Amino acid sequence: MRALLKWYSSNLRKHQFAMNMVTTGAVFFIGDMLSQQAVERRGVEHDTSRTVRSVVIGALYTAPAATFVYNLVDKVFGSSRSPLTALKKLSLLMCFPPLSITGYIILNNALQAKSADFILQQLREDLLTIVLNAYCLSIPTQLTLLTLIPLKHRVLCGNMVRVIWTCYLTHASNIGTTGHKLVGDRTRMREVE
């Protein structure tokens, strides 16, 4: 395990964005697998295309965005991990979940060729609930990351918590916060019983 962490740290210094993309893609893979198998109990009816979408969005959208935001916050507030600095950073980071989640929902639905009306309706119906749930998990996580974890390891450590979050996010964005499967008929969203 020590050799793996040493390899990871070495490559993270050289290729921060690429390493974060790989680890975040893996987190989204694990999160969607848990969502479909442990939460939704799909078994052999696993939706592989949904898992691929999750990995692509995680690796190509979430990882670069999170890396950029952490680097920006660290540049604006410095690398101090004092509690006061952490609170300042946290206030800026609280702007990230609504934007990130909105982007995830839009990309997830766009990759399924859902209509703009469907996407807007899901944003109206589910975004607030998903963002509030994100804050319940992200505030304590971010305080821990900002006060205890060095900048270069924040995405990796955050990804450990994101496995749980991604399991919820992929479930909520594909099933909806009502717990019913959502399907689009290109003009509106409706529940399937």
N, C-alpha and C. Protein backbone atom coordinates (compact mmCIF):
# COMPACT_ATOMS: atom_id res chain seq x y z
N MET A 1 0.83 -1.20 0.00
CA MET A 1 0.00 0.00 0.00
C MET A 1 0.88 1.26 0.00
N ARG A 2 1.96 1.18 0.76
CA ARG A 2 2.86 2.33 0.84
C ARG A 2 3.47 2.64 -0.54
N ALA A 3 3.82 1.60 -1.27
CA ALA A 3 4.41 1.79 -2.60
C ALA A 3 3.39 2.43 -3.54
N LEU A 4 2.12 2.02 -3.42
CA LEU A 4 1.07 2.60 -4.26
C LEU A 4 0.89 4.08 -3.97
N LEU A 5 0.86 4.45 -2.68
CA LEU A 5 0.73 5.87 -2.31
C LEU A 5 1.94 6.69 -2.77
N LYS A 6 3.14 6.09 -2.69
CA LYS A 6 4.34 6.78 -3.16
C LYS A 6 4.26 7.01 -4.67
N TRP A 7 3.84 5.98 -5.42
CA TRP A 7 3.67 6.10 -6.86
C TRP A 7 2.62 7.17 -7.18
N TYR A 8 1.51 7.14 -6.45
CA TYR A 8 0.43 8.11 -6.67
C TYR A 8 0.94 9.53 -6.41
N SER A 9 1.61 9.75 -5.30
CA SER A 9 2.12 11.09 -4.96
C SER A 9 3.11 11.59 -6.00
N SER A 10 3.98 10.70 -6.44
CA SER A 10 4.97 11.08 -7.45
C SER A 10 4.29 11.50 -8.75
N ASN A 11 3.33 10.71 -9.20
CA ASN A 11 2.61 11.04 -10.43
C ASN A 11 1.69 12.24 -10.26
N LEU A 12 1.16 12.43 -9.07
CA LEU A 12 0.29 13.57 -8.81
C LEU A 12 1.06 14.87 -8.95
N ARG A 13 2.31 14.88 -8.46
CA ARG A 13 3.14 16.08 -8.60
C ARG A 13 3.40 16.40 -10.08
N LYS A 14 3.61 15.37 -10.87
CA LYS A 14 3.95 15.56 -12.28
C LYS A 14 2.72 15.80 -13.16
N HIS A 15 1.62 15.15 -12.82
CA HIS A 15 0.43 15.16 -13.68
C HIS A 15 -0.83 15.32 -12.84
N GLN A 16 -0.99 16.46 -12.19
CA GLN A 16 -2.10 16.65 -11.25
C GLN A 16 -3.47 16.44 -11.91
N PHE A 17 -3.71 17.08 -13.04
CA PHE A 17 -5.03 16.94 -13.68
C PHE A 17 -5.28 15.51 -14.12
N ALA A 18 -4.31 14.88 -14.75
CA ALA A 18 -4.49 13.51 -15.25
C ALA A 18 -4.75 12.53 -14.11
N MET A 19 -3.99 12.63 -13.04
CA MET A 19 -4.18 11.71 -11.91
C MET A 19 -5.54 11.93 -11.26
N ASN A 20 -5.94 13.19 -11.13
CA ASN A 20 -7.25 13.46 -10.55
C ASN A 20 -8.37 12.97 -11.46
N MET A 21 -8.16 13.03 -12.76
CA MET A 21 -9.16 12.52 -13.70
C MET A 21 -9.30 11.00 -13.56
N VAL A 22 -8.18 10.31 -13.44
CA VAL A 22 -8.22 8.85 -13.30
C VAL A 22 -8.90 8.46 -11.98
N THR A 23 -8.49 9.08 -10.88
CA THR A 23 -9.08 8.70 -9.59
C THR A 23 -10.55 9.08 -9.51
N THR A 24 -10.91 10.23 -10.04
CA THR A 24 -12.32 10.63 -10.00
C THR A 24 -13.17 9.75 -10.91
N GLY A 25 -12.64 9.39 -12.06
CA GLY A 25 -13.35 8.44 -12.93
C GLY A 25 -13.59 7.12 -12.21
N ALA A 26 -12.57 6.65 -11.48
CA ALA A 26 -12.72 5.41 -10.71
C ALA A 26 -13.76 5.56 -9.60
N VAL A 27 -13.78 6.72 -8.95
CA VAL A 27 -14.78 6.97 -7.90
C VAL A 27 -16.19 6.96 -8.49
N PHE A 28 -16.37 7.57 -9.63
CA PHE A 28 -17.70 7.58 -10.26
C PHE A 28 -18.09 6.17 -10.71
N PHE A 29 -17.12 5.38 -11.13
CA PHE A 29 -17.39 3.98 -11.48
C PHE A 29 -17.88 3.23 -10.25
N ILE A 30 -17.15 3.33 -9.16
CA ILE A 30 -17.53 2.63 -7.92
C ILE A 30 -18.86 3.15 -7.40
N GLY A 31 -19.05 4.47 -7.43
CA GLY A 31 -20.29 5.06 -6.94
C GLY A 31 -21.51 4.59 -7.71
N ASP A 32 -21.40 4.56 -9.05
CA ASP A 32 -22.55 4.11 -9.84
C ASP A 32 -22.78 2.61 -9.69
N MET A 33 -21.70 1.84 -9.58
CA MET A 33 -21.86 0.40 -9.34
C MET A 33 -22.59 0.17 -8.02
N LEU A 34 -22.19 0.89 -6.96
CA LEU A 34 -22.87 0.76 -5.67
C LEU A 34 -24.32 1.19 -5.78
N SER A 35 -24.55 2.29 -6.50
CA SER A 35 -25.92 2.78 -6.66
C SER A 35 -26.80 1.73 -7.33
N GLN A 36 -26.32 1.19 -8.43
CA GLN A 36 -27.14 0.23 -9.18
C GLN A 36 -27.25 -1.13 -8.49
N GLN A 37 -26.19 -1.58 -7.84
CA GLN A 37 -26.21 -2.92 -7.27
C GLN A 37 -26.67 -2.94 -5.81
N ALA A 38 -26.18 -2.02 -4.99
CA ALA A 38 -26.52 -2.05 -3.57
C ALA A 38 -27.82 -1.30 -3.26
N VAL A 39 -28.04 -0.17 -3.93
CA VAL A 39 -29.23 0.65 -3.64
C VAL A 39 -30.41 0.19 -4.49
N GLU A 40 -30.21 0.14 -5.79
CA GLU A 40 -31.31 -0.20 -6.71
C GLU A 40 -31.47 -1.70 -6.93
N ARG A 41 -30.49 -2.47 -6.51
CA ARG A 41 -30.51 -3.95 -6.62
C ARG A 41 -30.86 -4.43 -8.03
N ARG A 42 -30.12 -3.92 -9.00
CA ARG A 42 -30.38 -4.27 -10.41
C ARG A 42 -29.86 -5.65 -10.80
N GLY A 43 -28.84 -6.12 -10.13
CA GLY A 43 -28.29 -7.42 -10.47
C GLY A 43 -27.79 -7.48 -11.90
N VAL A 44 -28.26 -8.47 -12.66
CA VAL A 44 -27.79 -8.64 -14.04
C VAL A 44 -28.35 -7.59 -14.99
N GLU A 45 -29.33 -6.83 -14.56
CA GLU A 45 -29.91 -5.77 -15.40
C GLU A 45 -29.17 -4.45 -15.21
N HIS A 46 -27.90 -4.55 -14.88
CA HIS A 46 -27.05 -3.37 -14.68
C HIS A 46 -27.03 -2.54 -15.96
N ASP A 47 -27.19 -1.23 -15.82
CA ASP A 47 -27.17 -0.30 -16.95
C ASP A 47 -25.73 0.15 -17.20
N THR A 48 -25.05 -0.56 -18.08
CA THR A 48 -23.64 -0.29 -18.36
C THR A 48 -23.44 1.10 -18.96
N SER A 49 -24.36 1.52 -19.82
CA SER A 49 -24.21 2.85 -20.43
C SER A 49 -24.28 3.95 -19.37
N ARG A 50 -25.09 3.76 -18.35
CA ARG A 50 -25.17 4.73 -17.25
C ARG A 50 -23.84 4.78 -16.50
N THR A 51 -23.22 3.62 -16.27
CA THR A 51 -21.94 3.60 -15.58
C THR A 51 -20.87 4.29 -16.42
N VAL A 52 -20.88 4.04 -17.72
CA VAL A 52 -19.91 4.69 -18.61
C VAL A 52 -20.13 6.20 -18.59
N ARG A 53 -21.39 6.64 -18.66
CA ARG A 53 -21.69 8.08 -18.58
C ARG A 53 -21.14 8.67 -17.29
N SER A 54 -21.35 7.99 -16.19
CA SER A 54 -20.87 8.48 -14.89
C SER A 54 -19.35 8.63 -14.88
N VAL A 55 -18.66 7.62 -15.40
CA VAL A 55 -17.20 7.66 -15.44
C VAL A 55 -16.71 8.81 -16.32
N VAL A 56 -17.33 8.96 -17.49
CA VAL A 56 -16.93 10.04 -18.41
C VAL A 56 -17.16 11.40 -17.77
N ILE A 57 -18.32 11.60 -17.18
CA ILE A 57 -18.62 12.89 -16.53
C ILE A 57 -17.67 13.13 -15.36
N GLY A 58 -17.42 12.09 -14.57
CA GLY A 58 -16.51 12.23 -13.43
C GLY A 58 -15.10 12.59 -13.87
N ALA A 59 -14.59 11.86 -14.87
CA ALA A 59 -13.22 12.07 -15.31
C ALA A 59 -13.03 13.35 -16.11
N LEU A 60 -13.98 13.65 -17.00
CA LEU A 60 -13.78 14.77 -17.93
C LEU A 60 -14.43 16.07 -17.50
N TYR A 61 -15.33 16.02 -16.50
CA TYR A 61 -16.00 17.24 -16.04
C TYR A 61 -15.70 17.51 -14.57
N THR A 62 -16.03 16.56 -13.71
CA THR A 62 -15.91 16.79 -12.27
C THR A 62 -14.46 16.94 -11.83
N ALA A 63 -13.58 16.05 -12.27
CA ALA A 63 -12.18 16.10 -11.82
C ALA A 63 -11.49 17.41 -12.23
N PRO A 64 -11.55 17.81 -13.50
CA PRO A 64 -10.91 19.09 -13.83
C PRO A 64 -11.53 20.28 -13.09
N ALA A 65 -12.86 20.26 -12.94
CA ALA A 65 -13.51 21.36 -12.24
C ALA A 65 -13.09 21.41 -10.77
N ALA A 66 -13.07 20.25 -10.10
CA ALA A 66 -12.68 20.22 -8.69
C ALA A 66 -11.21 20.61 -8.52
N THR A 67 -10.35 20.13 -9.40
CA THR A 67 -8.93 20.48 -9.33
C THR A 67 -8.75 21.98 -9.51
N PHE A 68 -9.44 22.54 -10.49
CA PHE A 68 -9.37 23.98 -10.74
C PHE A 68 -9.85 24.77 -9.52
N VAL A 69 -10.98 24.37 -8.95
CA VAL A 69 -11.55 25.10 -7.81
C VAL A 69 -10.62 25.02 -6.60
N TYR A 70 -10.11 23.83 -6.28
CA TYR A 70 -9.18 23.71 -5.14
C TYR A 70 -7.94 24.57 -5.37
N ASN A 71 -7.39 24.55 -6.57
CA ASN A 71 -6.21 25.37 -6.87
C ASN A 71 -6.53 26.85 -6.76
N LEU A 72 -7.69 27.25 -7.27
CA LEU A 72 -8.10 28.65 -7.20
C LEU A 72 -8.27 29.11 -5.75
N VAL A 73 -8.97 28.32 -4.97
CA VAL A 73 -9.20 28.67 -3.56
C VAL A 73 -7.88 28.77 -2.82
N ASP A 74 -6.97 27.84 -3.09
CA ASP A 74 -5.67 27.87 -2.44
C ASP A 74 -4.87 29.09 -2.87
N LYS A 75 -5.00 29.47 -4.14
CA LYS A 75 -4.28 30.65 -4.63
C LYS A 75 -4.85 31.93 -4.00
N VAL A 76 -6.17 32.01 -3.89
CA VAL A 76 -6.81 33.21 -3.33
C VAL A 76 -6.52 33.35 -1.84
N PHE A 77 -6.61 32.25 -1.09
CA PHE A 77 -6.50 32.32 0.36
C PHE A 77 -5.16 31.82 0.90
N GLY A 78 -4.29 31.34 0.06
CA GLY A 78 -3.01 30.82 0.53
C GLY A 78 -3.14 29.37 0.98
N SER A 79 -2.01 28.81 1.36
CA SER A 79 -1.99 27.38 1.71
C SER A 79 -2.13 27.13 3.21
N SER A 80 -2.38 28.15 3.99
CA SER A 80 -2.56 27.96 5.43
C SER A 80 -3.75 27.04 5.70
N ARG A 81 -3.58 26.17 6.67
CA ARG A 81 -4.68 25.26 7.03
C ARG A 81 -5.27 25.64 8.38
N SER A 82 -5.18 26.92 8.75
CA SER A 82 -5.76 27.37 10.02
C SER A 82 -7.28 27.33 9.93
N PRO A 83 -7.95 27.21 11.08
CA PRO A 83 -9.43 27.17 11.05
C PRO A 83 -10.06 28.40 10.41
N LEU A 84 -9.52 29.60 10.63
CA LEU A 84 -10.08 30.81 10.04
C LEU A 84 -9.94 30.78 8.52
N THR A 85 -8.78 30.40 8.04
CA THR A 85 -8.58 30.29 6.59
C THR A 85 -9.49 29.22 6.01
N ALA A 86 -9.64 28.13 6.74
CA ALA A 86 -10.53 27.05 6.28
C ALA A 86 -11.96 27.55 6.13
N LEU A 87 -12.43 28.36 7.08
CA LEU A 87 -13.80 28.91 6.99
C LEU A 87 -13.94 29.84 5.79
N LYS A 88 -12.90 30.64 5.52
CA LYS A 88 -12.94 31.52 4.35
C LYS A 88 -13.00 30.69 3.07
N LYS A 89 -12.17 29.66 3.00
CA LYS A 89 -12.16 28.79 1.82
C LYS A 89 -13.50 28.08 1.68
N LEU A 90 -14.05 27.63 2.80
CA LEU A 90 -15.33 26.93 2.78
C LEU A 90 -16.42 27.81 2.20
N SER A 91 -16.41 29.10 2.57
CA SER A 91 -17.45 30.00 2.04
C SER A 91 -17.40 30.08 0.52
N LEU A 92 -16.19 30.07 -0.05
CA LEU A 92 -16.06 30.09 -1.50
C LEU A 92 -16.44 28.73 -2.10
N LEU A 93 -16.03 27.65 -1.44
CA LEU A 93 -16.32 26.31 -1.95
C LEU A 93 -17.81 25.98 -1.93
N MET A 94 -18.58 26.65 -1.13
CA MET A 94 -20.02 26.38 -1.07
C MET A 94 -20.74 26.83 -2.34
N CYS A 95 -20.06 27.63 -3.16
CA CYS A 95 -20.63 28.01 -4.46
C CYS A 95 -20.48 26.87 -5.47
N PHE A 96 -19.57 25.94 -5.22
CA PHE A 96 -19.26 24.89 -6.19
C PHE A 96 -20.35 23.83 -6.35
N PRO A 97 -20.94 23.29 -5.26
CA PRO A 97 -21.94 22.22 -5.46
C PRO A 97 -23.12 22.57 -6.37
N PRO A 98 -23.75 23.74 -6.23
CA PRO A 98 -24.87 24.01 -7.15
C PRO A 98 -24.43 24.02 -8.62
N LEU A 99 -23.26 24.57 -8.89
CA LEU A 99 -22.76 24.61 -10.27
C LEU A 99 -22.36 23.23 -10.76
N SER A 100 -21.65 22.50 -9.92
CA SER A 100 -21.19 21.16 -10.30
C SER A 100 -22.35 20.20 -10.50
N ILE A 101 -23.32 20.23 -9.61
CA ILE A 101 -24.47 19.33 -9.70
C ILE A 101 -25.34 19.69 -10.90
N THR A 102 -25.53 20.97 -11.14
CA THR A 102 -26.28 21.40 -12.32
C THR A 102 -25.60 20.87 -13.58
N GLY A 103 -24.29 21.02 -13.64
CA GLY A 103 -23.54 20.52 -14.79
C GLY A 103 -23.67 19.01 -14.94
N TYR A 104 -23.62 18.30 -13.82
CA TYR A 104 -23.74 16.84 -13.87
C TYR A 104 -25.10 16.43 -14.41
N ILE A 105 -26.16 17.03 -13.91
CA ILE A 105 -27.51 16.68 -14.35
C ILE A 105 -27.68 16.99 -15.84
N ILE A 106 -27.19 18.15 -16.26
CA ILE A 106 -27.31 18.52 -17.68
C ILE A 106 -26.52 17.55 -18.55
N LEU A 107 -25.28 17.28 -18.19
CA LEU A 107 -24.46 16.36 -18.99
C LEU A 107 -25.03 14.95 -19.00
N ASN A 108 -25.46 14.47 -17.85
CA ASN A 108 -26.02 13.11 -17.76
C ASN A 108 -27.22 12.97 -18.68
N ASN A 109 -28.10 13.95 -18.67
CA ASN A 109 -29.29 13.89 -19.53
C ASN A 109 -28.96 14.16 -20.99
N ALA A 110 -28.04 15.08 -21.25
CA ALA A 110 -27.66 15.38 -22.64
C ALA A 110 -27.02 14.15 -23.29
N LEU A 111 -26.22 13.42 -22.54
CA LEU A 111 -25.60 12.21 -23.08
C LEU A 111 -26.63 11.11 -23.35
N GLN A 112 -27.82 11.24 -22.79
CA GLN A 112 -28.91 10.30 -23.06
C GLN A 112 -29.87 10.87 -24.11
N ALA A 113 -29.51 12.00 -24.69
CA ALA A 113 -30.33 12.67 -25.71
C ALA A 113 -31.69 13.08 -25.16
N LYS A 114 -31.74 13.48 -23.89
CA LYS A 114 -33.00 13.97 -23.31
C LYS A 114 -33.25 15.39 -23.81
N SER A 115 -34.49 15.78 -23.85
CA SER A 115 -34.86 17.11 -24.34
C SER A 115 -34.49 18.18 -23.32
N ALA A 116 -34.40 19.41 -23.80
CA ALA A 116 -34.12 20.54 -22.91
C ALA A 116 -35.24 20.69 -21.88
N ASP A 117 -36.49 20.44 -22.30
CA ASP A 117 -37.61 20.52 -21.36
C ASP A 117 -37.47 19.49 -20.24
N PHE A 118 -37.05 18.29 -20.59
CA PHE A 118 -36.84 17.23 -19.60
C PHE A 118 -35.78 17.65 -18.61
N ILE A 119 -34.67 18.17 -19.14
CA ILE A 119 -33.56 18.59 -18.28
C ILE A 119 -34.00 19.71 -17.35
N LEU A 120 -34.68 20.71 -17.89
CA LEU A 120 -35.16 21.82 -17.05
C LEU A 120 -36.12 21.34 -15.98
N GLN A 121 -36.99 20.42 -16.33
CA GLN A 121 -37.93 19.91 -15.34
C GLN A 121 -37.20 19.14 -14.24
N GLN A 122 -36.21 18.34 -14.61
CA GLN A 122 -35.46 17.63 -13.57
C GLN A 122 -34.70 18.60 -12.69
N LEU A 123 -34.14 19.64 -13.28
CA LEU A 123 -33.45 20.65 -12.47
C LEU A 123 -34.42 21.31 -11.49
N ARG A 124 -35.63 21.64 -11.98
CA ARG A 124 -36.63 22.25 -11.09
C ARG A 124 -37.04 21.30 -9.97
N GLU A 125 -37.22 20.04 -10.31
CA GLU A 125 -37.75 19.08 -9.33
C GLU A 125 -36.69 18.51 -8.38
N ASP A 126 -35.46 18.35 -8.85
CA ASP A 126 -34.48 17.61 -8.06
C ASP A 126 -33.27 18.42 -7.59
N LEU A 127 -32.95 19.52 -8.26
CA LEU A 127 -31.70 20.22 -7.97
C LEU A 127 -31.61 20.67 -6.52
N LEU A 128 -32.62 21.31 -5.99
CA LEU A 128 -32.56 21.84 -4.63
C LEU A 128 -32.32 20.72 -3.61
N THR A 129 -33.06 19.63 -3.74
CA THR A 129 -32.88 18.50 -2.82
C THR A 129 -31.47 17.94 -2.91
N ILE A 130 -30.96 17.78 -4.12
CA ILE A 130 -29.62 17.22 -4.29
C ILE A 130 -28.57 18.17 -3.72
N VAL A 131 -28.71 19.47 -3.96
CA VAL A 131 -27.74 20.44 -3.44
C VAL A 131 -27.78 20.48 -1.92
N LEU A 132 -28.96 20.47 -1.32
CA LEU A 132 -29.05 20.47 0.15
C LEU A 132 -28.40 19.22 0.73
N ASN A 133 -28.60 18.09 0.09
CA ASN A 133 -27.94 16.86 0.54
C ASN A 133 -26.43 16.96 0.36
N ALA A 134 -26.01 17.62 -0.70
CA ALA A 134 -24.57 17.81 -0.92
C ALA A 134 -23.97 18.62 0.22
N TYR A 135 -24.65 19.66 0.65
CA TYR A 135 -24.14 20.48 1.75
C TYR A 135 -24.03 19.68 3.04
N CYS A 136 -24.97 18.78 3.28
CA CYS A 136 -24.91 17.96 4.50
C CYS A 136 -23.62 17.14 4.55
N LEU A 137 -23.17 16.70 3.40
CA LEU A 137 -21.95 15.90 3.35
C LEU A 137 -20.72 16.77 3.11
N SER A 138 -20.85 17.78 2.26
CA SER A 138 -19.65 18.52 1.85
C SER A 138 -19.13 19.50 2.91
N ILE A 139 -19.97 20.07 3.73
CA ILE A 139 -19.46 21.03 4.72
C ILE A 139 -18.48 20.37 5.69
N PRO A 140 -18.87 19.27 6.36
CA PRO A 140 -17.88 18.64 7.24
C PRO A 140 -16.67 18.08 6.48
N THR A 141 -16.92 17.57 5.29
CA THR A 141 -15.81 17.03 4.49
C THR A 141 -14.83 18.13 4.12
N GLN A 142 -15.36 19.25 3.62
CA GLN A 142 -14.48 20.35 3.20
C GLN A 142 -13.72 20.93 4.38
N LEU A 143 -14.36 21.08 5.53
CA LEU A 143 -13.64 21.59 6.71
C LEU A 143 -12.48 20.67 7.07
N THR A 144 -12.70 19.38 6.99
CA THR A 144 -11.64 18.42 7.26
C THR A 144 -10.53 18.53 6.22
N LEU A 145 -10.92 18.55 4.94
CA LEU A 145 -9.93 18.66 3.88
C LEU A 145 -9.11 19.93 3.99
N LEU A 146 -9.78 21.04 4.26
CA LEU A 146 -9.09 22.34 4.27
C LEU A 146 -8.20 22.55 5.48
N THR A 147 -8.50 21.87 6.58
CA THR A 147 -7.68 22.07 7.78
C THR A 147 -6.63 20.99 7.98
N LEU A 148 -6.83 19.81 7.40
CA LEU A 148 -5.92 18.70 7.69
C LEU A 148 -5.16 18.16 6.48
N ILE A 149 -5.67 18.34 5.29
CA ILE A 149 -5.11 17.67 4.11
C ILE A 149 -4.36 18.67 3.23
N PRO A 150 -3.11 18.34 2.82
CA PRO A 150 -2.38 19.22 1.90
C PRO A 150 -3.11 19.32 0.56
N LEU A 151 -2.92 20.44 -0.12
CA LEU A 151 -3.60 20.72 -1.38
C LEU A 151 -3.49 19.58 -2.38
N LYS A 152 -2.31 19.03 -2.57
CA LYS A 152 -2.13 18.03 -3.62
C LYS A 152 -2.91 16.75 -3.36
N HIS A 153 -3.31 16.50 -2.11
CA HIS A 153 -4.05 15.28 -1.79
C HIS A 153 -5.55 15.50 -1.56
N ARG A 154 -6.02 16.73 -1.73
CA ARG A 154 -7.43 17.02 -1.43
C ARG A 154 -8.40 16.29 -2.35
N VAL A 155 -8.11 16.24 -3.63
CA VAL A 155 -9.03 15.57 -4.55
C VAL A 155 -9.07 14.08 -4.22
N LEU A 156 -7.92 13.46 -3.96
CA LEU A 156 -7.88 12.03 -3.62
C LEU A 156 -8.67 11.76 -2.33
N CYS A 157 -8.40 12.53 -1.28
CA CYS A 157 -9.11 12.32 -0.01
C CYS A 157 -10.60 12.64 -0.16
N GLY A 158 -10.90 13.69 -0.89
CA GLY A 158 -12.29 14.03 -1.14
C GLY A 158 -12.99 12.93 -1.91
N ASN A 159 -12.26 12.26 -2.80
CA ASN A 159 -12.84 11.17 -3.59
C ASN A 159 -13.26 10.00 -2.71
N MET A 160 -12.59 9.80 -1.60
CA MET A 160 -12.99 8.72 -0.69
C MET A 160 -14.41 8.97 -0.18
N VAL A 161 -14.72 10.21 0.13
CA VAL A 161 -16.07 10.58 0.56
C VAL A 161 -17.00 10.61 -0.64
N ARG A 162 -16.45 11.00 -1.79
CA ARG A 162 -17.28 11.10 -3.00
C ARG A 162 -17.83 9.76 -3.48
N VAL A 163 -17.24 8.66 -3.05
CA VAL A 163 -17.81 7.36 -3.41
C VAL A 163 -19.25 7.31 -2.90
N ILE A 164 -19.44 7.71 -1.65
CA ILE A 164 -20.78 7.74 -1.05
C ILE A 164 -21.64 8.75 -1.77
N TRP A 165 -21.09 9.94 -1.99
CA TRP A 165 -21.84 11.00 -2.64
C TRP A 165 -22.23 10.60 -4.07
N THR A 166 -21.29 10.02 -4.81
CA THR A 166 -21.56 9.63 -6.19
C THR A 166 -22.62 8.54 -6.26
N CYS A 167 -22.60 7.65 -5.30
CA CYS A 167 -23.65 6.63 -5.24
C CYS A 167 -25.02 7.31 -5.15
N TYR A 168 -25.13 8.32 -4.29
CA TYR A 168 -26.38 9.07 -4.16
C TYR A 168 -26.67 9.88 -5.43
N LEU A 169 -25.65 10.60 -5.94
CA LEU A 169 -25.85 11.49 -7.08
C LEU A 169 -26.31 10.73 -8.32
N THR A 170 -25.66 9.60 -8.62
CA THR A 170 -26.07 8.85 -9.81
C THR A 170 -27.47 8.28 -9.63
N HIS A 171 -27.79 7.89 -8.41
CA HIS A 171 -29.14 7.39 -8.15
C HIS A 171 -30.17 8.52 -8.32
N ALA A 172 -29.91 9.65 -7.66
CA ALA A 172 -30.87 10.77 -7.69
C ALA A 172 -31.01 11.37 -9.09
N SER A 173 -29.93 11.43 -9.85
CA SER A 173 -30.02 12.05 -11.17
C SER A 173 -30.63 11.11 -12.21
N ASN A 174 -30.59 9.81 -11.95
CA ASN A 174 -31.17 8.85 -12.88
C ASN A 174 -32.53 8.34 -12.44
N ILE A 175 -32.78 8.32 -11.17
CA ILE A 175 -34.05 7.82 -10.64
C ILE A 175 -34.92 8.99 -10.18
N GLY A 176 -34.29 10.06 -9.74
CA GLY A 176 -35.02 11.22 -9.22
C GLY A 176 -35.10 11.15 -7.70
N THR A 177 -35.31 12.26 -7.08
CA THR A 177 -35.35 12.29 -5.62
C THR A 177 -36.65 11.73 -5.08
N THR A 178 -37.64 11.47 -5.94
CA THR A 178 -38.90 10.88 -5.49
C THR A 178 -38.77 9.37 -5.33
N GLY A 179 -37.71 8.79 -5.90
CA GLY A 179 -37.52 7.35 -5.80
C GLY A 179 -38.16 6.58 -6.93
N HIS A 180 -38.78 7.26 -7.90
CA HIS A 180 -39.38 6.59 -9.05
C HIS A 180 -38.49 6.79 -10.26
N LYS A 181 -38.40 5.81 -11.11
CA LYS A 181 -37.61 5.93 -12.33
C LYS A 181 -38.21 7.00 -13.22
N LEU A 182 -37.35 7.86 -13.73
CA LEU A 182 -37.79 8.95 -14.59
C LEU A 182 -37.50 8.59 -16.04
N VAL A 183 -38.47 8.82 -16.90
CA VAL A 183 -38.25 8.62 -18.33
C VAL A 183 -38.75 9.84 -19.06
N GLY A 184 -38.09 10.17 -20.14
CA GLY A 184 -38.50 11.34 -20.91
C GLY A 184 -39.10 10.93 -22.23
N ASP A 185 -40.13 11.60 -22.61
CA ASP A 185 -40.73 11.33 -23.92
C ASP A 185 -40.42 12.49 -24.86
N ARG A 186 -39.24 13.11 -24.61
CA ARG A 186 -38.74 14.23 -25.40
C ARG A 186 -39.49 15.53 -25.16
N THR A 187 -40.65 15.52 -24.51
CA THR A 187 -41.33 16.78 -24.24
C THR A 187 -41.58 16.98 -22.76
N ARG A 188 -41.61 15.89 -22.00
CA ARG A 188 -41.82 16.06 -20.55
C ARG A 188 -41.30 14.83 -19.82
N MET A 189 -41.14 14.99 -18.53
CA MET A 189 -40.69 13.91 -17.70
C MET A 189 -41.92 13.30 -17.01
N ARG A 190 -41.92 12.01 -16.89
CA ARG A 190 -43.03 11.38 -16.19
C ARG A 190 -42.47 10.23 -15.36
N GLU A 191 -43.21 9.84 -14.36
CA GLU A 191 -42.80 8.75 -13.51
C GLU A 191 -43.32 7.44 -14.06
N VAL A 192 -42.51 6.41 -13.92
CA VAL A 192 -42.91 5.06 -14.31
C VAL A 192 -43.06 4.27 -13.02
N GLU A 193 -44.16 3.58 -12.87
CA GLU A 193 -44.38 2.82 -11.64
C GLU A 193 -43.91 1.41 -11.77
